[in-house]
């Protein structure tokens, strides 16, 4: 019941393990599909910005409530929307953050509309 769109700009190359990237994408896309209602859009984007590879997963759902935004990357934290959505462990975004940070990157929650999560992977050491 959701529309998914892929938007790549250029050929971003992330300095990270392929399986780690698969886990990051899997968790972010799964969250977007799980928490955005039927009829919403999920956008997966990748681009190269200032030498870094940037991944964005965004949806047009209700977004993350203000009171939950500071803790969404904490292990086992499930905000009000997460608890209402059904079973889960509260580990998905914590895993995303750990995997991105493992490769020297950073993950952040952007302002809406909807939920927008950006993962930035620094350029390989040879390009810095």
Foldseek 3Di string as FASTA:
>chain_A
DEAEEEEEDPDADFPADPVLVVLLVVLLVVVQVLQADPPKYWYWYWYADPQKIKIKIFIQGQADDPVCQVPLLPFQDADPSRVVSDDDRSHSNVSNQVRLVVQVWGKHWDDDNGTMIMIIHHHPPVVD
